[in-house]
Amino acid sequence: MHAWFWLSIVALIVFGVTGVTQKLSTNRVSFEMSYVWFCAAMVAISAAVAVMVPLDWRISPSTGSLAIIGGLLNGLGVLTSFAALERGGKASVVIPIINLYPLITIVLAWLFLGERLSKIHMLGVCFALAGVILLSRETA
């Protein structure tokens, strides 16, 4: 199998465990404190990559701006997901909902990048939305 496949499996496992650790942390401390520690871990990982991997630091201002905006949006997404978990959201509901973010990407790619959606892709989007609705329904 291809390396990308195994890396994807590792990411799947790591992100799956992350949902539980985030819920456990927001059960014990504020979402803001959980976020600060999340950021500390990201800084440590970023520093390790910067030291261990030869990076070409020459990028255009527009590329740097896009990377910064992406990081800011990612950070805001993490912060709001921690808040959702702290404010009573179940990990089994919150994590699947927030991980449907590719649906937003699909719509934006269609609108701004001219990417086409086949009928099967649109059916997949509909099933994903139905899944969100079903997951978010609370039972008595």
N, C-alpha and C. Protein backbone atom coordinates (compact mmCIF):
# COMPACT_ATOMS: atom_id res chain seq x y z
N MET A 1 0.83 -1.18 0.00
CA MET A 1 0.00 0.00 0.00
C MET A 1 0.88 1.25 0.00
N HIS A 2 0.28 2.35 -0.43
CA HIS A 2 1.00 3.61 -0.53
C HIS A 2 1.23 4.23 0.84
N ALA A 3 2.32 5.00 0.93
CA ALA A 3 2.66 5.67 2.19
C ALA A 3 1.54 6.62 2.63
N TRP A 4 0.91 7.31 1.68
CA TRP A 4 -0.14 8.26 2.03
C TRP A 4 -1.29 7.56 2.75
N PHE A 5 -1.56 6.31 2.36
CA PHE A 5 -2.66 5.57 2.98
C PHE A 5 -2.35 5.32 4.46
N TRP A 6 -1.15 4.86 4.76
CA TRP A 6 -0.78 4.56 6.14
C TRP A 6 -0.71 5.84 6.97
N LEU A 7 -0.22 6.91 6.37
CA LEU A 7 -0.21 8.19 7.09
C LEU A 7 -1.64 8.64 7.38
N SER A 8 -2.55 8.40 6.45
CA SER A 8 -3.95 8.74 6.67
C SER A 8 -4.55 7.91 7.80
N ILE A 9 -4.18 6.65 7.88
CA ILE A 9 -4.67 5.78 8.96
C ILE A 9 -4.15 6.28 10.31
N VAL A 10 -2.87 6.66 10.36
CA VAL A 10 -2.31 7.21 11.60
C VAL A 10 -3.06 8.48 11.99
N ALA A 11 -3.31 9.37 11.02
CA ALA A 11 -4.06 10.60 11.30
C ALA A 11 -5.45 10.27 11.82
N LEU A 12 -6.11 9.30 11.21
CA LEU A 12 -7.44 8.88 11.65
C LEU A 12 -7.42 8.46 13.12
N ILE A 13 -6.45 7.64 13.47
CA ILE A 13 -6.35 7.15 14.86
C ILE A 13 -6.04 8.30 15.81
N VAL A 14 -5.08 9.14 15.44
CA VAL A 14 -4.67 10.25 16.31
C VAL A 14 -5.84 11.22 16.51
N PHE A 15 -6.52 11.58 15.43
CA PHE A 15 -7.66 12.49 15.56
C PHE A 15 -8.79 11.85 16.36
N GLY A 16 -8.98 10.54 16.20
CA GLY A 16 -10.02 9.84 16.98
C GLY A 16 -9.74 9.89 18.47
N VAL A 17 -8.50 9.66 18.85
CA VAL A 17 -8.12 9.71 20.27
C VAL A 17 -8.19 11.16 20.76
N THR A 18 -7.84 12.11 19.89
CA THR A 18 -7.87 13.52 20.26
C THR A 18 -9.24 13.95 20.74
N GLY A 19 -10.29 13.48 20.08
CA GLY A 19 -11.65 13.86 20.49
C GLY A 19 -11.93 13.49 21.93
N VAL A 20 -11.45 12.34 22.36
CA VAL A 20 -11.66 11.91 23.75
C VAL A 20 -10.80 12.74 24.70
N THR A 21 -9.53 12.97 24.34
CA THR A 21 -8.67 13.74 25.24
C THR A 21 -9.15 15.18 25.38
N GLN A 22 -9.69 15.74 24.30
CA GLN A 22 -10.22 17.10 24.39
C GLN A 22 -11.43 17.16 25.32
N LYS A 23 -12.30 16.17 25.23
CA LYS A 23 -13.47 16.16 26.11
C LYS A 23 -13.03 15.97 27.57
N LEU A 24 -12.09 15.06 27.80
CA LEU A 24 -11.60 14.84 29.17
C LEU A 24 -10.97 16.11 29.74
N SER A 25 -10.21 16.84 28.92
CA SER A 25 -9.56 18.06 29.43
C SER A 25 -10.59 19.14 29.73
N THR A 26 -11.60 19.30 28.85
CA THR A 26 -12.59 20.34 29.10
C THR A 26 -13.56 19.96 30.21
N ASN A 27 -13.56 18.69 30.63
CA ASN A 27 -14.32 18.29 31.82
C ASN A 27 -13.61 18.72 33.10
N ARG A 28 -12.29 18.96 32.99
CA ARG A 28 -11.49 19.22 34.19
C ARG A 28 -11.02 20.67 34.32
N VAL A 29 -10.80 21.33 33.18
CA VAL A 29 -10.36 22.73 33.18
C VAL A 29 -11.16 23.48 32.13
N SER A 30 -11.05 24.79 32.12
CA SER A 30 -11.81 25.60 31.16
C SER A 30 -11.36 25.31 29.73
N PHE A 31 -12.25 25.59 28.80
CA PHE A 31 -11.87 25.39 27.40
C PHE A 31 -10.71 26.31 27.02
N GLU A 32 -10.64 27.49 27.65
CA GLU A 32 -9.53 28.40 27.37
C GLU A 32 -8.19 27.80 27.80
N MET A 33 -8.18 27.17 29.00
CA MET A 33 -6.93 26.56 29.48
C MET A 33 -6.58 25.35 28.62
N SER A 34 -7.58 24.56 28.23
CA SER A 34 -7.32 23.44 27.33
C SER A 34 -6.70 23.93 26.03
N TYR A 35 -7.21 25.05 25.54
CA TYR A 35 -6.71 25.61 24.30
C TYR A 35 -5.27 26.09 24.45
N VAL A 36 -4.95 26.72 25.57
CA VAL A 36 -3.58 27.19 25.80
C VAL A 36 -2.61 26.01 25.77
N TRP A 37 -2.97 24.91 26.41
CA TRP A 37 -2.10 23.73 26.41
C TRP A 37 -2.03 23.08 25.03
N PHE A 38 -3.13 23.12 24.29
CA PHE A 38 -3.13 22.65 22.91
C PHE A 38 -2.12 23.45 22.09
N CYS A 39 -2.17 24.78 22.26
CA CYS A 39 -1.24 25.65 21.53
C CYS A 39 0.20 25.39 21.92
N ALA A 40 0.45 25.15 23.21
CA ALA A 40 1.81 24.84 23.66
C ALA A 40 2.33 23.58 22.97
N ALA A 41 1.46 22.59 22.85
CA ALA A 41 1.86 21.35 22.16
C ALA A 41 2.14 21.63 20.68
N MET A 42 1.33 22.48 20.06
CA MET A 42 1.54 22.80 18.64
C MET A 42 2.86 23.56 18.43
N VAL A 43 3.19 24.44 19.36
CA VAL A 43 4.46 25.16 19.27
C VAL A 43 5.62 24.17 19.38
N ALA A 44 5.52 23.22 20.30
CA ALA A 44 6.58 22.23 20.46
C ALA A 44 6.74 21.38 19.20
N ILE A 45 5.64 20.95 18.62
CA ILE A 45 5.71 20.16 17.39
C ILE A 45 6.27 21.00 16.25
N SER A 46 5.83 22.24 16.15
CA SER A 46 6.33 23.14 15.10
C SER A 46 7.83 23.37 15.24
N ALA A 47 8.29 23.57 16.47
CA ALA A 47 9.72 23.78 16.70
C ALA A 47 10.51 22.53 16.32
N ALA A 48 10.00 21.35 16.65
CA ALA A 48 10.68 20.10 16.30
C ALA A 48 10.77 19.95 14.77
N VAL A 49 9.71 20.27 14.07
CA VAL A 49 9.73 20.18 12.60
C VAL A 49 10.74 21.18 12.04
N ALA A 50 10.73 22.41 12.56
CA ALA A 50 11.65 23.45 12.07
C ALA A 50 13.11 23.04 12.29
N VAL A 51 13.39 22.31 13.36
CA VAL A 51 14.76 21.90 13.66
C VAL A 51 15.16 20.65 12.87
N MET A 52 14.23 19.72 12.73
CA MET A 52 14.56 18.41 12.16
C MET A 52 14.42 18.31 10.64
N VAL A 53 13.64 19.18 10.04
CA VAL A 53 13.37 19.09 8.60
C VAL A 53 13.95 20.32 7.91
N PRO A 54 14.73 20.11 6.86
CA PRO A 54 15.24 21.29 6.14
C PRO A 54 14.08 21.99 5.41
N LEU A 55 13.82 23.21 5.82
CA LEU A 55 12.70 23.98 5.26
C LEU A 55 13.23 25.11 4.39
N ASP A 56 12.53 25.37 3.30
CA ASP A 56 12.83 26.53 2.47
C ASP A 56 11.95 27.67 2.96
N TRP A 57 12.54 28.63 3.64
CA TRP A 57 11.79 29.71 4.28
C TRP A 57 11.42 30.83 3.31
N ARG A 58 11.85 30.72 2.06
CA ARG A 58 11.55 31.76 1.08
C ARG A 58 10.17 31.49 0.47
N ILE A 59 9.18 32.24 0.91
CA ILE A 59 7.85 32.14 0.34
C ILE A 59 7.34 33.55 0.05
N SER A 60 6.39 33.61 -0.85
CA SER A 60 5.85 34.93 -1.21
C SER A 60 4.95 35.44 -0.08
N PRO A 61 4.79 36.74 0.00
CA PRO A 61 3.89 37.30 1.03
C PRO A 61 2.47 36.75 0.92
N SER A 62 1.98 36.53 -0.29
CA SER A 62 0.61 36.01 -0.43
C SER A 62 0.51 34.57 0.08
N THR A 63 1.53 33.78 -0.18
CA THR A 63 1.53 32.40 0.34
C THR A 63 1.63 32.41 1.86
N GLY A 64 2.48 33.26 2.40
CA GLY A 64 2.59 33.39 3.85
C GLY A 64 1.29 33.85 4.47
N SER A 65 0.63 34.79 3.81
CA SER A 65 -0.66 35.29 4.31
C SER A 65 -1.71 34.17 4.33
N LEU A 66 -1.76 33.39 3.26
CA LEU A 66 -2.71 32.27 3.21
C LEU A 66 -2.43 31.26 4.33
N ALA A 67 -1.16 30.97 4.56
CA ALA A 67 -0.80 30.03 5.63
C ALA A 67 -1.20 30.59 6.99
N ILE A 68 -0.98 31.87 7.20
CA ILE A 68 -1.35 32.50 8.48
C ILE A 68 -2.87 32.50 8.66
N ILE A 69 -3.59 32.85 7.61
CA ILE A 69 -5.06 32.84 7.70
C ILE A 69 -5.56 31.42 7.99
N GLY A 70 -4.97 30.43 7.31
CA GLY A 70 -5.34 29.04 7.58
C GLY A 70 -5.08 28.65 9.02
N GLY A 71 -3.94 29.08 9.56
CA GLY A 71 -3.63 28.78 10.96
C GLY A 71 -4.58 29.47 11.92
N LEU A 72 -4.92 30.72 11.62
CA LEU A 72 -5.86 31.45 12.48
C LEU A 72 -7.23 30.79 12.47
N LEU A 73 -7.71 30.41 11.28
CA LEU A 73 -9.01 29.74 11.19
C LEU A 73 -8.99 28.39 11.89
N ASN A 74 -7.89 27.65 11.72
CA ASN A 74 -7.76 26.37 12.41
C ASN A 74 -7.79 26.56 13.91
N GLY A 75 -7.05 27.55 14.39
CA GLY A 75 -7.03 27.83 15.83
C GLY A 75 -8.39 28.22 16.36
N LEU A 76 -9.13 29.02 15.60
CA LEU A 76 -10.47 29.41 16.01
C LEU A 76 -11.40 28.19 16.04
N GLY A 77 -11.24 27.31 15.06
CA GLY A 77 -12.03 26.08 15.04
C GLY A 77 -11.76 25.20 16.24
N VAL A 78 -10.49 25.07 16.61
CA VAL A 78 -10.14 24.28 17.79
C VAL A 78 -10.71 24.92 19.05
N LEU A 79 -10.57 26.23 19.16
CA LEU A 79 -11.08 26.94 20.34
C LEU A 79 -12.58 26.74 20.49
N THR A 80 -13.32 26.90 19.40
CA THR A 80 -14.78 26.75 19.50
C THR A 80 -15.18 25.29 19.72
N SER A 81 -14.38 24.35 19.22
CA SER A 81 -14.70 22.94 19.51
C SER A 81 -14.49 22.64 20.98
N PHE A 82 -13.43 23.18 21.59
CA PHE A 82 -13.22 23.01 23.03
C PHE A 82 -14.39 23.62 23.81
N ALA A 83 -14.85 24.80 23.36
CA ALA A 83 -15.97 25.45 24.04
C ALA A 83 -17.23 24.58 23.94
N ALA A 84 -17.47 24.00 22.77
CA ALA A 84 -18.65 23.13 22.60
C ALA A 84 -18.57 21.93 23.53
N LEU A 85 -17.38 21.36 23.67
CA LEU A 85 -17.21 20.20 24.56
C LEU A 85 -17.40 20.59 26.02
N GLU A 86 -16.86 21.76 26.41
CA GLU A 86 -16.97 22.20 27.80
C GLU A 86 -18.42 22.54 28.16
N ARG A 87 -19.16 23.03 27.21
CA ARG A 87 -20.53 23.49 27.49
C ARG A 87 -21.57 22.40 27.33
N GLY A 88 -21.14 21.16 27.50
CA GLY A 88 -22.09 20.06 27.55
C GLY A 88 -22.18 19.20 26.32
N GLY A 89 -21.47 19.56 25.27
CA GLY A 89 -21.51 18.73 24.08
C GLY A 89 -20.86 17.38 24.33
N LYS A 90 -21.50 16.33 23.86
CA LYS A 90 -20.94 14.99 23.98
C LYS A 90 -19.86 14.82 22.91
N ALA A 91 -18.75 14.21 23.30
CA ALA A 91 -17.68 13.98 22.33
C ALA A 91 -18.17 13.16 21.14
N SER A 92 -19.08 12.22 21.40
CA SER A 92 -19.58 11.36 20.33
C SER A 92 -20.47 12.11 19.35
N VAL A 93 -20.87 13.33 19.68
CA VAL A 93 -21.68 14.15 18.79
C VAL A 93 -20.86 15.32 18.25
N VAL A 94 -20.17 16.03 19.14
CA VAL A 94 -19.43 17.23 18.74
C VAL A 94 -18.32 16.89 17.74
N ILE A 95 -17.54 15.88 18.02
CA ILE A 95 -16.38 15.57 17.17
C ILE A 95 -16.81 15.17 15.76
N PRO A 96 -17.81 14.28 15.60
CA PRO A 96 -18.24 14.01 14.21
C PRO A 96 -18.80 15.23 13.49
N ILE A 97 -19.51 16.09 14.21
CA ILE A 97 -20.06 17.28 13.56
C ILE A 97 -18.95 18.20 13.09
N ILE A 98 -17.99 18.51 13.97
CA ILE A 98 -16.93 19.44 13.55
C ILE A 98 -16.02 18.84 12.49
N ASN A 99 -15.98 17.52 12.42
CA ASN A 99 -15.14 16.90 11.41
C ASN A 99 -15.85 16.72 10.07
N LEU A 100 -16.99 17.35 9.93
CA LEU A 100 -17.64 17.44 8.63
C LEU A 100 -17.22 18.72 7.90
N TYR A 101 -16.17 19.37 8.40
CA TYR A 101 -15.70 20.59 7.76
C TYR A 101 -15.39 20.41 6.26
N PRO A 102 -15.06 19.21 5.77
CA PRO A 102 -14.87 19.09 4.32
C PRO A 102 -16.10 19.48 3.50
N LEU A 103 -17.28 19.42 4.11
CA LEU A 103 -18.47 19.87 3.38
C LEU A 103 -18.37 21.34 3.02
N ILE A 104 -17.83 22.13 3.95
CA ILE A 104 -17.62 23.56 3.68
C ILE A 104 -16.58 23.72 2.57
N THR A 105 -15.53 22.91 2.64
CA THR A 105 -14.49 22.94 1.61
C THR A 105 -15.07 22.60 0.25
N ILE A 106 -15.94 21.60 0.20
CA ILE A 106 -16.56 21.19 -1.06
C ILE A 106 -17.35 22.35 -1.66
N VAL A 107 -18.16 23.00 -0.85
CA VAL A 107 -18.97 24.12 -1.34
C VAL A 107 -18.08 25.27 -1.81
N LEU A 108 -17.06 25.60 -1.02
CA LEU A 108 -16.16 26.70 -1.40
C LEU A 108 -15.35 26.37 -2.65
N ALA A 109 -14.93 25.11 -2.78
CA ALA A 109 -14.19 24.69 -3.98
C ALA A 109 -15.09 24.77 -5.21
N TRP A 110 -16.35 24.45 -5.03
CA TRP A 110 -17.32 24.55 -6.13
C TRP A 110 -17.53 26.02 -6.52
N LEU A 111 -17.69 26.87 -5.49
CA LEU A 111 -17.97 28.28 -5.75
C LEU A 111 -16.76 29.05 -6.29
N PHE A 112 -15.60 28.84 -5.69
CA PHE A 112 -14.45 29.69 -5.98
C PHE A 112 -13.37 29.06 -6.85
N LEU A 113 -13.33 27.74 -6.89
CA LEU A 113 -12.27 27.07 -7.66
C LEU A 113 -12.80 26.39 -8.91
N GLY A 114 -14.10 26.47 -9.11
CA GLY A 114 -14.69 25.88 -10.30
C GLY A 114 -14.69 24.36 -10.33
N GLU A 115 -14.53 23.74 -9.16
CA GLU A 115 -14.55 22.28 -9.12
C GLU A 115 -15.97 21.80 -9.31
N ARG A 116 -16.10 20.64 -9.96
CA ARG A 116 -17.41 20.11 -10.25
C ARG A 116 -17.77 19.01 -9.27
N LEU A 117 -19.06 18.92 -8.98
CA LEU A 117 -19.57 17.86 -8.12
C LEU A 117 -20.43 16.93 -8.96
N SER A 118 -20.12 15.64 -8.87
CA SER A 118 -20.94 14.66 -9.57
C SER A 118 -22.18 14.37 -8.73
N LYS A 119 -23.11 13.65 -9.31
CA LYS A 119 -24.31 13.29 -8.56
C LYS A 119 -23.96 12.43 -7.36
N ILE A 120 -22.99 11.57 -7.49
CA ILE A 120 -22.60 10.71 -6.36
C ILE A 120 -21.95 11.54 -5.26
N HIS A 121 -21.19 12.58 -5.63
CA HIS A 121 -20.60 13.49 -4.63
C HIS A 121 -21.70 14.22 -3.87
N MET A 122 -22.70 14.70 -4.63
CA MET A 122 -23.80 15.44 -4.00
C MET A 122 -24.60 14.51 -3.08
N LEU A 123 -24.75 13.26 -3.48
CA LEU A 123 -25.43 12.29 -2.63
C LEU A 123 -24.64 12.07 -1.33
N GLY A 124 -23.31 12.01 -1.44
CA GLY A 124 -22.46 11.89 -0.26
C GLY A 124 -22.62 13.06 0.68
N VAL A 125 -22.70 14.26 0.13
CA VAL A 125 -22.91 15.46 0.95
C VAL A 125 -24.25 15.36 1.67
N CYS A 126 -25.27 14.92 0.96
CA CYS A 126 -26.60 14.78 1.58
C CYS A 126 -26.58 13.76 2.72
N PHE A 127 -25.89 12.65 2.51
CA PHE A 127 -25.78 11.64 3.57
C PHE A 127 -25.02 12.19 4.78
N ALA A 128 -23.96 12.95 4.52
CA ALA A 128 -23.20 13.55 5.63
C ALA A 128 -24.07 14.52 6.42
N LEU A 129 -24.85 15.33 5.72
CA LEU A 129 -25.76 16.26 6.41
C LEU A 129 -26.83 15.50 7.20
N ALA A 130 -27.34 14.43 6.62
CA ALA A 130 -28.32 13.61 7.34
C ALA A 130 -27.68 13.01 8.59
N GLY A 131 -26.43 12.62 8.50
CA GLY A 131 -25.72 12.08 9.66
C GLY A 131 -25.60 13.11 10.78
N VAL A 132 -25.32 14.36 10.42
CA VAL A 132 -25.23 15.42 11.43
C VAL A 132 -26.57 15.59 12.12
N ILE A 133 -27.63 15.61 11.34
CA ILE A 133 -28.96 15.78 11.92
C ILE A 133 -29.27 14.64 12.87
N LEU A 134 -28.97 13.41 12.45
CA LEU A 134 -29.26 12.25 13.30
C LEU A 134 -28.39 12.24 14.56
N LEU A 135 -27.12 12.58 14.43
CA LEU A 135 -26.23 12.60 15.59
C LEU A 135 -26.63 13.68 16.59
N SER A 136 -27.13 14.80 16.10
CA SER A 136 -27.42 15.91 17.01
C SER A 136 -28.77 15.79 17.70
N ARG A 137 -29.57 14.84 17.33
CA ARG A 137 -30.87 14.66 17.98
C ARG A 137 -30.64 14.02 19.35
N GLU A 138 -31.07 14.70 20.36
CA GLU A 138 -30.92 14.22 21.74
C GLU A 138 -32.11 13.35 22.12
N THR A 139 -31.82 12.27 22.80
CA THR A 139 -32.91 11.44 23.30
C THR A 139 -33.20 11.81 24.74
N ALA A 140 -34.42 11.56 25.15
CA ALA A 140 -34.84 11.93 26.52
C ALA A 140 -34.15 11.06 27.54
